[in-house]
PDB file of N, CA and C in Angstrom:
ATOM      1  N   MET A   1       0.765  -1.162  -0.078  1.00  0.00           N
ATOM      2  CA  MET A   1      -0.147  -0.151  -0.107  1.00  0.00           C
ATOM      3  C   MET A   1       0.797   1.234   0.106  1.00  0.00           C
ATOM      4  N   ALA A   2       0.513   2.344  -0.850  1.00  0.00           N
ATOM      5  CA  ALA A   2       1.198   3.379  -0.893  1.00  0.00           C
ATOM      6  C   ALA A   2       1.307   4.145   0.341  1.00  0.00           C
ATOM      7  N   LYS A   3       2.310   4.932   0.564  1.00  0.00           N
ATOM      8  CA  LYS A   3       2.229   5.882   1.865  1.00  0.00           C
ATOM      9  C   LYS A   3       1.425   6.934   1.545  1.00  0.00           C
ATOM     10  N   THR A   4       0.686   7.551   2.423  1.00  0.00           N
ATOM     11  CA  THR A   4      -0.320   8.702   2.445  1.00  0.00           C
ATOM     12  C   THR A   4       0.047   9.752   3.294  1.00  0.00           C
ATOM     13  N   ASP A   5      -0.144  11.132   2.967  1.00  0.00           N
ATOM     14  CA  ASP A   5      -0.039  12.150   3.855  1.00  0.00           C
ATOM     15  C   ASP A   5      -1.516  12.629   4.358  1.00  0.00           C
ATOM     16  N   THR A   6      -1.706  13.347   5.169  1.00  0.00           N
ATOM     17  CA  THR A   6      -2.983  13.683   5.788  1.00  0.00           C
ATOM     18  C   THR A   6      -3.158  15.143   5.678  1.00  0.00           C
ATOM     19  N   LEU A   7      -4.227  15.648   5.102  1.00  0.00           N
ATOM     20  CA  LEU A   7      -4.556  16.933   4.962  1.00  0.00           C
ATOM     21  C   LEU A   7      -5.631  17.388   6.018  1.00  0.00           C
ATOM     22  N   HIS A   8      -5.382  18.537   6.707  1.00  0.00           N
ATOM     23  CA  HIS A   8      -6.548  19.010   7.669  1.00  0.00           C
ATOM     24  C   HIS A   8      -6.976  20.200   6.790  1.00  0.00           C
ATOM     25  N   ILE A   9      -8.226  20.226   6.550  1.00  0.00           N
ATOM     26  CA  ILE A   9      -8.717  21.414   5.929  1.00  0.00           C
ATOM     27  C   ILE A   9     -10.036  21.914   6.740  1.00  0.00           C
ATOM     28  N   ARG A  10     -10.348  23.132   6.449  1.00  0.00           N
ATOM     29  CA  ARG A  10     -11.552  23.722   7.138  1.00  0.00           C
ATOM     30  C   ARG A  10     -12.643  23.999   6.095  1.00  0.00           C
ATOM     31  N   VAL A  11     -13.863  23.450   6.188  1.00  0.00           N
ATOM     32  CA  VAL A  11     -14.895  23.688   5.209  1.00  0.00           C
ATOM     33  C   VAL A  11     -16.239  23.954   6.015  1.00  0.00           C
ATOM     34  N   GLU A  12     -16.870  24.978   5.455  1.00  0.00           N
ATOM     35  CA  GLU A  12     -18.165  25.106   5.969  1.00  0.00           C
ATOM     36  C   GLU A  12     -18.937  23.841   6.311  1.00  0.00           C
ATOM     37  N   PRO A  13     -19.672  23.479   7.273  1.00  0.00           N
ATOM     38  CA  PRO A  13     -20.509  22.357   7.449  1.00  0.00           C
ATOM     39  C   PRO A  13     -21.445  22.104   6.348  1.00  0.00           C
ATOM     40  N   THR A  14     -22.168  23.274   5.898  1.00  0.00           N
ATOM     41  CA  THR A  14     -23.114  22.976   4.912  1.00  0.00           C
ATOM     42  C   THR A  14     -22.614  22.561   3.412  1.00  0.00           C
ATOM     43  N   VAL A  15     -21.332  23.152   3.280  1.00  0.00           N
ATOM     44  CA  VAL A  15     -20.741  22.997   1.985  1.00  0.00           C
ATOM     45  C   VAL A  15     -20.143  21.312   1.940  1.00  0.00           C
ATOM     46  N   LYS A  16     -19.746  21.122   3.122  1.00  0.00           N
ATOM     47  CA  LYS A  16     -19.292  19.610   3.387  1.00  0.00           C
ATOM     48  C   LYS A  16     -20.361  18.726   3.182  1.00  0.00           C
ATOM     49  N   LYS A  17     -21.557  18.970   3.766  1.00  0.00           N
ATOM     50  CA  LYS A  17     -22.666  17.924   3.743  1.00  0.00           C
ATOM     51  C   LYS A  17     -23.110  17.996   2.260  1.00  0.00           C
ATOM     52  N   LYS A  18     -23.431  18.980   1.469  1.00  0.00           N
ATOM     53  CA  LYS A  18     -23.757  19.014   0.248  1.00  0.00           C
ATOM     54  C   LYS A  18     -22.911  18.199  -0.779  1.00  0.00           C
ATOM     55  N   ALA A  19     -21.539  18.489  -0.457  1.00  0.00           N
ATOM     56  CA  ALA A  19     -20.445  17.989  -1.438  1.00  0.00           C
ATOM     57  C   ALA A  19     -20.605  16.494  -1.011  1.00  0.00           C
ATOM     58  N   GLU A  20     -20.731  15.978   0.159  1.00  0.00           N
ATOM     59  CA  GLU A  20     -20.828  14.575   0.379  1.00  0.00           C
ATOM     60  C   GLU A  20     -22.009  13.875  -0.276  1.00  0.00           C
ATOM     61  N   GLU A  21     -23.193  14.483   0.024  1.00  0.00           N
ATOM     62  CA  GLU A  21     -24.366  13.987  -0.856  1.00  0.00           C
ATOM     63  C   GLU A  21     -24.218  13.843  -2.167  1.00  0.00           C
ATOM     64  N   THR A  22     -23.662  14.845  -2.890  1.00  0.00           N
ATOM     65  CA  THR A  22     -23.326  14.870  -4.369  1.00  0.00           C
ATOM     66  C   THR A  22     -22.450  13.741  -4.725  1.00  0.00           C
ATOM     67  N   LEU A  23     -21.354  13.597  -3.935  1.00  0.00           N
ATOM     68  CA  LEU A  23     -20.244  12.627  -4.343  1.00  0.00           C
ATOM     69  C   LEU A  23     -20.672  11.143  -3.962  1.00  0.00           C
ATOM     70  N   ASN A  24     -21.587  11.125  -2.916  1.00  0.00           N
ATOM     71  CA  ASN A  24     -22.021   9.842  -2.682  1.00  0.00           C
ATOM     72  C   ASN A  24     -23.050   9.304  -3.782  1.00  0.00           C
ATOM     73  N   GLU A  25     -23.631  10.057  -4.289  1.00  0.00           N
ATOM     74  CA  GLU A  25     -24.466   9.797  -5.552  1.00  0.00           C
ATOM     75  C   GLU A  25     -23.620   9.491  -6.783  1.00  0.00           C
ATOM     76  N   LEU A  26     -22.468   9.924  -6.793  1.00  0.00           N
ATOM     77  CA  LEU A  26     -21.338   9.541  -7.821  1.00  0.00           C
ATOM     78  C   LEU A  26     -20.566   8.405  -7.550  1.00  0.00           C
ATOM     79  N   GLY A  27     -20.756   7.862  -6.266  1.00  0.00           N
ATOM     80  CA  GLY A  27     -20.072   6.585  -5.890  1.00  0.00           C
ATOM     81  C   GLY A  27     -18.569   6.908  -5.306  1.00  0.00           C
ATOM     82  N   MET A  28     -18.538   8.270  -4.824  1.00  0.00           N
ATOM     83  CA  MET A  28     -17.180   8.841  -4.549  1.00  0.00           C
ATOM     84  C   MET A  28     -17.277   9.108  -2.976  1.00  0.00           C
ATOM     85  N   SER A  29     -16.121   9.304  -2.414  1.00  0.00           N
ATOM     86  CA  SER A  29     -15.877   9.788  -1.172  1.00  0.00           C
ATOM     87  C   SER A  29     -15.114  11.184  -1.363  1.00  0.00           C
ATOM     88  N   ILE A  30     -15.167  12.136  -0.407  1.00  0.00           N
ATOM     89  CA  ILE A  30     -14.577  13.211  -0.329  1.00  0.00           C
ATOM     90  C   ILE A  30     -13.134  12.990  -0.627  1.00  0.00           C
ATOM     91  N   THR A  31     -12.449  12.128   0.112  1.00  0.00           N
ATOM     92  CA  THR A  31     -10.953  11.730  -0.041  1.00  0.00           C
ATOM     93  C   THR A  31     -10.865  11.410  -1.584  1.00  0.00           C
ATOM     94  N   GLU A  32     -11.645  10.474  -2.149  1.00  0.00           N
ATOM     95  CA  GLU A  32     -11.367  10.179  -3.542  1.00  0.00           C
ATOM     96  C   GLU A  32     -11.605  11.416  -4.504  1.00  0.00           C
ATOM     97  N   ALA A  33     -12.437  12.151  -4.153  1.00  0.00           N
ATOM     98  CA  ALA A  33     -12.638  13.464  -5.078  1.00  0.00           C
ATOM     99  C   ALA A  33     -11.580  14.539  -4.875  1.00  0.00           C
ATOM    100  N   ILE A  34     -10.990  14.619  -3.716  1.00  0.00           N
ATOM    101  CA  ILE A  34      -9.902  15.411  -3.393  1.00  0.00           C
ATOM    102  C   ILE A  34      -8.664  14.854  -4.212  1.00  0.00           C
ATOM    103  N   ASN A  35      -8.396  13.612  -4.200  1.00  0.00           N
ATOM    104  CA  ASN A  35      -7.169  12.914  -4.885  1.00  0.00           C
ATOM    105  C   ASN A  35      -7.613  13.225  -6.314  1.00  0.00           C
ATOM    106  N   VAL A  36      -8.699  13.133  -6.906  1.00  0.00           N
ATOM    107  CA  VAL A  36      -8.842  13.234  -8.283  1.00  0.00           C
ATOM    108  C   VAL A  36      -8.595  14.904  -8.628  1.00  0.00           C
ATOM    109  N   PHE A  37      -9.115  15.654  -7.843  1.00  0.00           N
ATOM    110  CA  PHE A  37      -8.817  17.203  -7.994  1.00  0.00           C
ATOM    111  C   PHE A  37      -7.337  17.415  -7.972  1.00  0.00           C
ATOM    112  N   LEU A  38      -6.554  16.864  -7.054  1.00  0.00           N
ATOM    113  CA  LEU A  38      -5.174  17.169  -6.897  1.00  0.00           C
ATOM    114  C   LEU A  38      -4.270  16.752  -8.004  1.00  0.00           C
ATOM    115  N   ASN A  39      -4.783  15.533  -8.617  1.00  0.00           N
ATOM    116  CA  ASN A  39      -4.205  14.729  -9.837  1.00  0.00           C
ATOM    117  C   ASN A  39      -4.354  15.632 -10.948  1.00  0.00           C
ATOM    118  N   GLN A  40      -5.526  16.180 -10.971  1.00  0.00           N
ATOM    119  CA  GLN A  40      -5.764  17.150 -12.283  1.00  0.00           C
ATOM    120  C   GLN A  40      -5.159  18.306 -12.202  1.00  0.00           C
ATOM    121  N   VAL A  41      -4.867  18.944 -10.885  1.00  0.00           N
ATOM    122  CA  VAL A  41      -4.152  19.997 -10.624  1.00  0.00           C
ATOM    123  C   VAL A  41      -2.696  19.671 -11.427  1.00  0.00           C
ATOM    124  N   ILE A  42      -2.021  18.552 -11.025  1.00  0.00           N
ATOM    125  CA  ILE A  42      -0.667  18.084 -11.615  1.00  0.00           C
ATOM    126  C   ILE A  42      -0.771  18.227 -13.170  1.00  0.00           C
ATOM    127  N   LEU A  43      -1.876  17.392 -13.468  1.00  0.00           N
ATOM    128  CA  LEU A  43      -1.857  17.129 -15.005  1.00  0.00           C
ATOM    129  C   LEU A  43      -2.289  18.313 -15.801  1.00  0.00           C
ATOM    130  N   ASN A  44      -2.872  19.330 -15.205  1.00  0.00           N
ATOM    131  CA  ASN A  44      -3.236  20.682 -15.989  1.00  0.00           C
ATOM    132  C   ASN A  44      -2.389  21.902 -15.618  1.00  0.00           C
ATOM    133  N   ASP A  45      -1.174  21.424 -14.908  1.00  0.00           N
ATOM    134  CA  ASP A  45      -0.294  22.299 -14.203  1.00  0.00           C
ATOM    135  C   ASP A  45      -0.893  23.856 -13.937  1.00  0.00           C
ATOM    136  N   GLY A  46      -2.278  23.402 -12.973  1.00  0.00           N
ATOM    137  CA  GLY A  46      -2.916  24.390 -12.672  1.00  0.00           C
ATOM    138  C   GLY A  46      -4.289  23.952 -12.069  1.00  0.00           C
ATOM    139  N   ILE A  47      -5.226  24.877 -11.754  1.00  0.00           N
ATOM    140  CA  ILE A  47      -6.534  24.572 -11.358  1.00  0.00           C
ATOM    141  C   ILE A  47      -7.218  23.985 -12.796  1.00  0.00           C
ATOM    142  N   PRO A  48      -7.967  22.847 -12.597  1.00  0.00           N
ATOM    143  CA  PRO A  48      -8.433  22.150 -13.770  1.00  0.00           C
ATOM    144  C   PRO A  48      -9.797  22.822 -14.146  1.00  0.00           C
ATOM    145  N   PHE A  49     -10.222  23.854 -13.883  1.00  0.00           N
ATOM    146  CA  PHE A  49     -11.467  24.495 -14.349  1.00  0.00           C
ATOM    147  C   PHE A  49     -11.126  25.886 -14.159  1.00  0.00           C
ATOM    148  N   GLU A  50     -12.097  26.619 -14.996  1.00  0.00           N
ATOM    149  CA  GLU A  50     -12.056  28.097 -14.881  1.00  0.00           C
ATOM    150  C   GLU A  50     -12.714  28.496 -13.656  1.00  0.00           C
ATOM    151  N   ILE A  51     -12.100  29.683 -13.072  1.00  0.00           N
ATOM    152  CA  ILE A  51     -12.627  30.329 -11.888  1.00  0.00           C
ATOM    153  C   ILE A  51     -13.110  31.767 -12.221  1.00  0.00           C
ATOM    154  N   LYS A  52     -14.321  32.027 -12.042  1.00  0.00           N
ATOM    155  CA  LYS A  52     -14.774  33.423 -12.435  1.00  0.00           C
ATOM    156  C   LYS A  52     -16.033  33.702 -11.541  1.00  0.00           C
ATOM    157  N   LYS A  53     -16.160  35.024 -11.493  1.00  0.00           N
ATOM    158  CA  LYS A  53     -17.415  35.463 -10.783  1.00  0.00           C
ATOM    159  C   LYS A  53     -18.627  34.899 -11.247  1.00  0.00           C
ATOM    160  N   PRO A  54     -19.586  34.377 -10.550  1.00  0.00           N
ATOM    161  CA  PRO A  54     -21.053  34.116 -11.005  1.00  0.00           C
ATOM    162  C   PRO A  54     -21.723  35.134 -11.616  1.00  0.00           C
ATOM    163  N   ARG A  55     -22.457  34.910 -12.808  1.00  0.00           N
ATOM    164  CA  ARG A  55     -23.275  35.863 -13.331  1.00  0.00           C
ATOM    165  C   ARG A  55     -24.566  36.090 -12.777  1.00  0.00           C
ATOM    166  N   LEU A  56     -24.911  35.235 -11.834  1.00  0.00           N
ATOM    167  CA  LEU A  56     -26.123  35.279 -11.429  1.00  0.00           C
ATOM    168  C   LEU A  56     -26.220  36.325 -10.123  1.00  0.00           C
ATOM    169  N   ASN A  57     -27.250  36.959  -9.786  1.00  0.00           N
ATOM    170  CA  ASN A  57     -27.440  37.950  -8.784  1.00  0.00           C
ATOM    171  C   ASN A  57     -28.038  36.974  -7.506  1.00  0.00           C
ATOM    172  N   LYS A  58     -27.832  37.803  -6.343  1.00  0.00           N
ATOM    173  CA  LYS A  58     -28.367  36.995  -5.135  1.00  0.00           C
ATOM    174  C   LYS A  58     -29.766  36.461  -5.174  1.00  0.00           C
ATOM    175  N   GLU A  59     -30.630  37.221  -5.763  1.00  0.00           N
ATOM    176  CA  GLU A  59     -32.055  36.584  -5.819  1.00  0.00           C
ATOM    177  C   GLU A  59     -32.225  35.593  -6.702  1.00  0.00           C
ATOM    178  N   THR A  60     -31.356  35.425  -7.813  1.00  0.00           N
ATOM    179  CA  THR A  60     -31.537  34.366  -8.674  1.00  0.00           C
ATOM    180  C   THR A  60     -30.895  32.988  -8.192  1.00  0.00           C
ATOM    181  N   ILE A  61     -29.766  33.294  -7.407  1.00  0.00           N
ATOM    182  CA  ILE A  61     -29.134  32.156  -6.901  1.00  0.00           C
ATOM    183  C   ILE A  61     -30.138  31.553  -5.598  1.00  0.00           C
ATOM    184  N   GLN A  62     -30.789  32.367  -4.891  1.00  0.00           N
ATOM    185  CA  GLN A  62     -31.826  31.985  -4.001  1.00  0.00           C
ATOM    186  C   GLN A  62     -32.879  31.357  -4.429  1.00  0.00           C
ATOM    187  N   ALA A  63     -33.401  31.676  -5.594  1.00  0.00           N
ATOM    188  CA  ALA A  63     -34.412  31.145  -6.225  1.00  0.00           C
ATOM    189  C   ALA A  63     -34.109  29.662  -6.658  1.00  0.00           C
ATOM    190  N   LEU A  64     -32.800  29.631  -7.338  1.00  0.00           N
ATOM    191  CA  LEU A  64     -32.328  28.165  -7.593  1.00  0.00           C
ATOM    192  C   LEU A  64     -32.200  27.387  -6.510  1.00  0.00           C
ATOM    193  N   GLU A  65     -31.802  27.893  -5.360  1.00  0.00           N
ATOM    194  CA  GLU A  65     -31.492  27.041  -4.097  1.00  0.00           C
ATOM    195  C   GLU A  65     -32.920  26.703  -3.608  1.00  0.00           C
ATOM    196  N   ASP A  66     -33.846  27.572  -3.638  1.00  0.00           N
ATOM    197  CA  ASP A  66     -35.354  27.237  -3.163  1.00  0.00           C
ATOM    198  C   ASP A  66     -35.907  26.132  -4.013  1.00  0.00           C
ATOM    199  N   THR A  67     -35.600  26.126  -5.262  1.00  0.00           N
ATOM    200  CA  THR A  67     -36.308  25.031  -6.218  1.00  0.00           C
ATOM    201  C   THR A  67     -35.597  23.859  -5.901  1.00  0.00           C
ATOM    202  N   ARG A  68     -34.143  23.764  -5.732  1.00  0.00           N
ATOM    203  CA  ARG A  68     -33.488  22.616  -5.372  1.00  0.00           C
ATOM    204  C   ARG A  68     -33.939  22.043  -4.024  1.00  0.00           C
ATOM    205  N   ASN A  69     -34.351  22.641  -3.145  1.00  0.00           N
ATOM    206  CA  ASN A  69     -34.804  22.305  -1.855  1.00  0.00           C
ATOM    207  C   ASN A  69     -36.347  22.050  -1.681  1.00  0.00           C
ATOM    208  N   GLY A  70     -36.940  22.016  -2.856  1.00  0.00           N
ATOM    209  CA  GLY A  70     -38.314  21.526  -3.026  1.00  0.00           C
ATOM    210  C   GLY A  70     -39.380  22.801  -2.684  1.00  0.00           C
ATOM    211  N   LYS A  71     -38.849  23.854  -2.562  1.00  0.00           N
ATOM    212  CA  LYS A  71     -39.835  25.088  -2.059  1.00  0.00           C
ATOM    213  C   LYS A  71     -40.656  25.342  -3.317  1.00  0.00           C
ATOM    214  N   ASN A  72     -41.955  25.490  -3.317  1.00  0.00           N
ATOM    215  CA  ASN A  72     -42.740  25.743  -4.350  1.00  0.00           C
ATOM    216  C   ASN A  72     -42.888  27.244  -4.574  1.00  0.00           C
ATOM    217  N   LEU A  73     -42.439  27.656  -5.672  1.00  0.00           N
ATOM    218  CA  LEU A  73     -42.360  28.909  -6.176  1.00  0.00           C
ATOM    219  C   LEU A  73     -43.283  29.408  -7.343  1.00  0.00           C
ATOM    220  N   SER A  74     -44.182  28.414  -7.638  1.00  0.00           N
ATOM    221  CA  SER A  74     -45.035  28.812  -8.756  1.00  0.00           C
ATOM    222  C   SER A  74     -46.151  29.504  -8.343  1.00  0.00           C
ATOM    223  N   LYS A  75     -46.781  30.142  -9.363  1.00  0.00           N
ATOM    224  CA  LYS A  75     -47.962  31.303  -9.008  1.00  0.00           C
ATOM    225  C   LYS A  75     -48.915  30.735 -10.028  1.00  0.00           C
ATOM    226  N   THR A  76     -50.220  30.724  -9.879  1.00  0.00           N
ATOM    227  CA  THR A  76     -51.204  30.234 -10.521  1.00  0.00           C
ATOM    228  C   THR A  76     -52.151  31.415 -10.879  1.00  0.00           C
ATOM    229  N   PHE A  77     -52.625  31.637 -12.236  1.00  0.00           N
ATOM    230  CA  PHE A  77     -53.421  32.580 -12.456  1.00  0.00           C
ATOM    231  C   PHE A  77     -54.782  32.164 -13.293  1.00  0.00           C
ATOM    232  N   GLU A  78     -55.834  32.920 -12.982  1.00  0.00           N
ATOM    233  CA  GLU A  78     -56.956  32.428 -13.550  1.00  0.00           C
ATOM    234  C   GLU A  78     -57.095  32.305 -15.033  1.00  0.00           C
ATOM    235  N   ASN A  79     -56.433  33.300 -15.783  1.00  0.00           N
ATOM    236  CA  ASN A  79     -56.423  33.370 -17.105  1.00  0.00           C
ATOM    237  C   ASN A  79     -55.034  33.942 -17.569  1.00  0.00           C
ATOM    238  N   ALA A  80     -54.794  34.152 -18.950  1.00  0.00           N
ATOM    239  CA  ALA A  80     -53.550  34.717 -19.311  1.00  0.00           C
ATOM    240  C   ALA A  80     -53.493  35.982 -19.237  1.00  0.00           C
ATOM    241  N   ASP A  81     -54.396  36.892 -19.283  1.00  0.00           N
ATOM    242  CA  ASP A  81     -54.647  38.329 -19.151  1.00  0.00           C
ATOM    243  C   ASP A  81     -54.155  38.658 -17.582  1.00  0.00           C
ATOM    244  N   GLU A  82     -54.582  37.800 -16.715  1.00  0.00           N
ATOM    245  CA  GLU A  82     -54.172  38.143 -15.399  1.00  0.00           C
ATOM    246  C   GLU A  82     -52.648  37.695 -15.164  1.00  0.00           C
ATOM    247  N   MET A  83     -52.146  36.897 -15.904  1.00  0.00           N
ATOM    248  CA  MET A  83     -50.752  36.465 -15.854  1.00  0.00           C
ATOM    249  C   MET A  83     -49.870  37.684 -16.423  1.00  0.00           C
ATOM    250  N   PHE A  84     -50.349  38.153 -17.661  1.00  0.00           N
ATOM    251  CA  PHE A  84     -49.560  39.116 -18.351  1.00  0.00           C
ATOM    252  C   PHE A  84     -49.845  40.439 -17.585  1.00  0.00           C
ATOM    253  N   LYS A  85     -50.807  40.900 -16.942  1.00  0.00           N
ATOM    254  CA  LYS A  85     -50.968  41.880 -16.222  1.00  0.00           C
ATOM    255  C   LYS A  85     -49.890  41.942 -15.041  1.00  0.00           C
ATOM    256  N   LYS A  86     -49.797  40.880 -14.255  1.00  0.00           N
ATOM    257  CA  LYS A  86     -48.756  40.679 -13.287  1.00  0.00           C
ATOM    258  C   LYS A  86     -47.368  40.716 -13.681  1.00  0.00           C
ATOM    259  N   LEU A  87     -47.028  40.217 -14.958  1.00  0.00           N
ATOM    260  CA  LEU A  87     -45.611  40.144 -15.566  1.00  0.00           C
ATOM    261  C   LEU A  87     -45.374  41.664 -15.983  1.00  0.00           C
ATOM    262  N   ASP A  88     -46.233  42.536 -16.327  1.00  0.00           N
ATOM    263  CA  ASP A  88     -46.047  43.932 -16.797  1.00  0.00           C
ATOM    264  C   ASP A  88     -45.551  44.787 -15.525  1.00  0.00           C
ATOM    265  N   LYS A  89     -45.907  44.542 -14.259  1.00  0.00           N
ATOM    266  CA  LYS A  89     -45.511  45.206 -13.092  1.00  0.00           C
ATOM    267  C   LYS A  89     -43.918  45.356 -12.949  1.00  0.00           C
TER     268      LYS A  89
END
């Protein structure tokens, strides 16, 4: 078995929990994912993906999170005229 080093990192609890859930669905542990990431850093001679500011504003990001968490954001209307009137505001 290869020798290993230990990394101690600090991560926000919610980020860790969400990452673990996603990685578990992919059949990976956080340790495996970090090893994949570090190997990609070596292969790419840098960060293996683009880092940039998100184009979404806070309200859009919150709406996306709400829908991912099952919050019902839909609005019903009696007819199309009522809907278009609401959209014009």
